[in-house]
């Protein structure tokens, strides 16, 4: 089972994990990552963050990432939720959750998907700071994280 959602609404991590592993006796490991909005970025206060995307294109891009994760790792289920719209500090932005037979595969797959999402998913982020609104560029550290999987980052917003 794989599922990708782009949405404005918040998500319930417990409900998502329960649905991902529901009645699958093969599952020995569930790994998830939840990203949240920080109240600071590059030393500046952040009042809010707004995320934009191209509907349809974004889902296809993430589905391709999930297919690559499935090719690399022995996974039973994958769930990716990414929020868009206006978000405040402490709001959840992203959920990446995977199930596998063993923890090693699940940890690696979750980290791989998050590294891929940070650099390759077509999202555009802007932060509202005391200095004004600014677009957020991908970080060199995100590109380096992706490179360790043998993937060169394509130029995208981060």
Protein backbone atom coordinates (compact mmCIF):
# COMPACT_ATOMS: atom_id res chain seq x y z
CA UNK A 1 0.00 0.00 0.00
CA UNK A 2 1.27 3.45 -0.95
CA UNK A 3 -0.54 6.72 -0.50
CA UNK A 4 0.44 10.34 -1.22
CA UNK A 5 -1.67 13.32 -0.13
CA UNK A 6 -1.14 17.03 -0.59
CA UNK A 7 -3.55 18.89 1.67
CA UNK A 8 -4.25 22.04 3.65
CA UNK A 9 -5.78 20.16 6.59
CA UNK A 10 -3.71 18.88 9.50
CA UNK A 11 -3.25 15.13 9.96
CA UNK A 12 -3.50 12.73 12.89
CA UNK A 13 -0.21 10.80 13.11
CA UNK A 14 -1.70 7.98 15.22
CA UNK A 15 -4.59 7.44 12.82
CA UNK A 16 -2.28 7.49 9.81
CA UNK A 17 0.09 4.93 11.34
CA UNK A 18 -2.78 2.68 12.41
CA UNK A 19 -4.21 2.74 8.88
CA UNK A 20 -0.79 2.06 7.34
CA UNK A 21 -0.18 -1.07 9.37
CA UNK A 22 -3.80 -2.22 9.76
CA UNK A 23 -4.16 -5.97 9.85
CA UNK A 24 -0.77 -6.59 8.20
CA UNK A 25 0.88 -9.32 10.26
CA UNK A 26 4.08 -9.07 8.20
CA UNK A 27 4.89 -5.66 9.70
CA UNK A 28 7.67 -5.78 12.25
CA UNK A 29 8.72 -2.14 11.94
CA UNK A 30 6.95 1.18 11.51
CA UNK A 31 9.08 4.26 11.06
CA UNK A 32 7.79 7.79 10.66
CA UNK A 33 9.06 11.32 10.41
CA UNK A 34 6.93 14.36 11.20
CA UNK A 35 8.22 17.75 10.12
CA UNK A 36 6.94 20.88 11.85
CA UNK A 37 7.20 24.63 11.32
CA UNK A 38 9.98 26.18 13.40
CA UNK A 39 9.61 29.63 14.93
CA UNK A 40 13.13 30.57 13.75
CA UNK A 41 15.01 30.23 10.49
CA UNK A 42 18.55 31.40 9.77
CA UNK A 43 18.49 33.28 13.08
CA UNK A 44 15.30 35.21 12.34
CA UNK A 45 11.89 34.84 13.97
CA UNK A 46 9.28 33.23 11.72
CA UNK A 47 5.65 34.27 12.13
CA UNK A 48 4.35 31.92 9.44
CA UNK A 49 5.32 29.83 6.45
CA UNK A 50 3.37 29.48 3.23
CA UNK A 51 3.84 26.50 0.93
CA UNK A 52 2.79 26.47 -2.71
CA UNK A 53 2.81 23.65 -5.25
CA UNK A 54 1.57 22.61 -8.69
CA UNK A 55 -1.40 20.27 -8.15
CA UNK A 56 -0.98 17.03 -10.03
CA UNK A 57 2.71 17.57 -10.74
CA UNK A 58 3.62 17.49 -7.06
CA UNK A 59 1.75 14.24 -6.40
CA UNK A 60 3.35 12.57 -9.45
CA UNK A 61 6.80 13.68 -8.31
CA UNK A 62 6.29 12.26 -4.82
CA UNK A 63 4.76 9.05 -6.19
CA UNK A 64 7.95 8.60 -8.26
CA UNK A 65 9.98 9.07 -5.04
CA UNK A 66 7.89 6.42 -3.33
CA UNK A 67 8.40 4.04 -6.27
CA UNK A 68 12.17 4.58 -5.99
CA UNK A 69 12.06 3.89 -2.25
CA UNK A 70 10.13 0.68 -2.92
CA UNK A 71 12.76 -0.32 -5.50
CA UNK A 72 15.58 0.26 -3.00
CA UNK A 73 13.99 -1.09 0.18
CA UNK A 74 11.74 -4.02 1.07
CA UNK A 75 8.65 -2.08 2.17
CA UNK A 76 5.07 -3.12 2.84
CA UNK A 77 3.46 0.30 3.10
CA UNK A 78 4.31 3.96 2.51
CA UNK A 79 2.31 7.03 3.49
CA UNK A 80 3.38 10.58 2.59
CA UNK A 81 1.34 13.63 3.54
CA UNK A 82 2.56 17.13 2.76
CA UNK A 83 0.62 20.20 3.74
CA UNK A 84 0.35 23.37 1.69
CA UNK A 85 -1.06 26.81 2.41
CA UNK A 86 -0.41 29.08 5.35
CA UNK A 87 1.14 27.38 8.40
CA UNK A 88 2.16 28.72 11.81
CA UNK A 89 5.06 27.69 14.06
CA UNK A 90 4.44 24.27 15.65
CA UNK A 91 2.09 23.20 12.81
CA UNK A 92 2.83 19.85 11.22
CA UNK A 93 4.06 20.13 7.63
CA UNK A 94 4.95 16.63 6.51
CA UNK A 95 4.50 12.99 7.44
CA UNK A 96 6.61 10.22 5.95
CA UNK A 97 5.73 6.78 7.29
CA UNK A 98 6.83 3.34 6.14
CA UNK A 99 6.28 -0.24 7.23
CA UNK A 100 8.67 -3.14 6.71
CA UNK A 101 9.58 -6.46 8.26
CA UNK A 102 12.64 -5.04 10.00
CA UNK A 103 13.73 -1.70 11.47
CA UNK A 104 16.79 -1.23 9.25
CA UNK A 105 14.74 -1.09 6.07
CA UNK A 106 12.13 1.15 7.63
CA UNK A 107 14.65 3.64 9.07
CA UNK A 108 16.57 3.84 5.80
CA UNK A 109 13.48 4.18 3.64
CA UNK A 110 12.02 6.90 5.83
CA UNK A 111 15.26 8.87 5.77
CA UNK A 112 15.67 8.34 2.01
CA UNK A 113 12.16 9.63 1.32
CA UNK A 114 12.63 12.67 3.54
CA UNK A 115 15.98 13.52 1.94
CA UNK A 116 14.36 13.19 -1.47
CA UNK A 117 11.35 15.32 -0.47
CA UNK A 118 13.54 18.14 0.88
CA UNK A 119 15.37 18.57 -2.42
CA UNK A 120 13.25 17.18 -5.24
CA UNK A 121 9.58 17.69 -4.42
CA UNK A 122 8.16 20.73 -6.25
CA UNK A 123 7.16 22.89 -3.29
CA UNK A 124 7.88 26.57 -2.90
CA UNK A 125 8.13 27.96 0.61
CA UNK A 126 8.11 31.50 1.86
CA UNK A 127 8.58 32.69 5.41
CA UNK A 128 7.13 35.78 7.07
CA UNK A 129 9.87 37.30 9.23
CA UNK A 130 10.33 40.70 10.91
CA UNK A 131 12.53 41.59 7.92
CA UNK A 132 9.69 40.78 5.52
CA UNK A 133 8.57 37.84 3.43
CA UNK A 134 11.33 35.73 1.86
CA UNK A 135 11.46 32.63 -0.30
CA UNK A 136 13.28 29.65 1.21
CA UNK A 137 16.05 28.10 -0.88
CA UNK A 138 17.20 24.51 -0.62
CA UNK A 139 20.09 24.09 1.80
CA UNK A 140 23.46 22.68 0.77
CA UNK A 141 23.11 20.19 3.64
CA UNK A 142 19.87 18.88 2.07
CA UNK A 143 21.65 18.33 -1.25
CA UNK A 144 24.49 16.54 0.57
CA UNK A 145 21.97 14.28 2.34
CA UNK A 146 20.48 13.30 -1.01
CA UNK A 147 23.92 12.76 -2.57
CA UNK A 148 24.75 10.01 -0.06
CA UNK A 149 21.96 7.97 -1.69
CA UNK A 150 23.74 8.36 -5.05
CA UNK A 151 21.33 11.02 -6.34
CA UNK A 152 22.38 14.46 -7.55
CA UNK A 153 19.93 17.19 -6.63
CA UNK A 154 18.15 18.88 -9.50
CA UNK A 155 17.70 22.63 -9.11
CA UNK A 156 14.45 23.11 -7.14
CA UNK A 157 13.08 25.24 -4.35
CA UNK A 158 13.46 23.62 -0.92
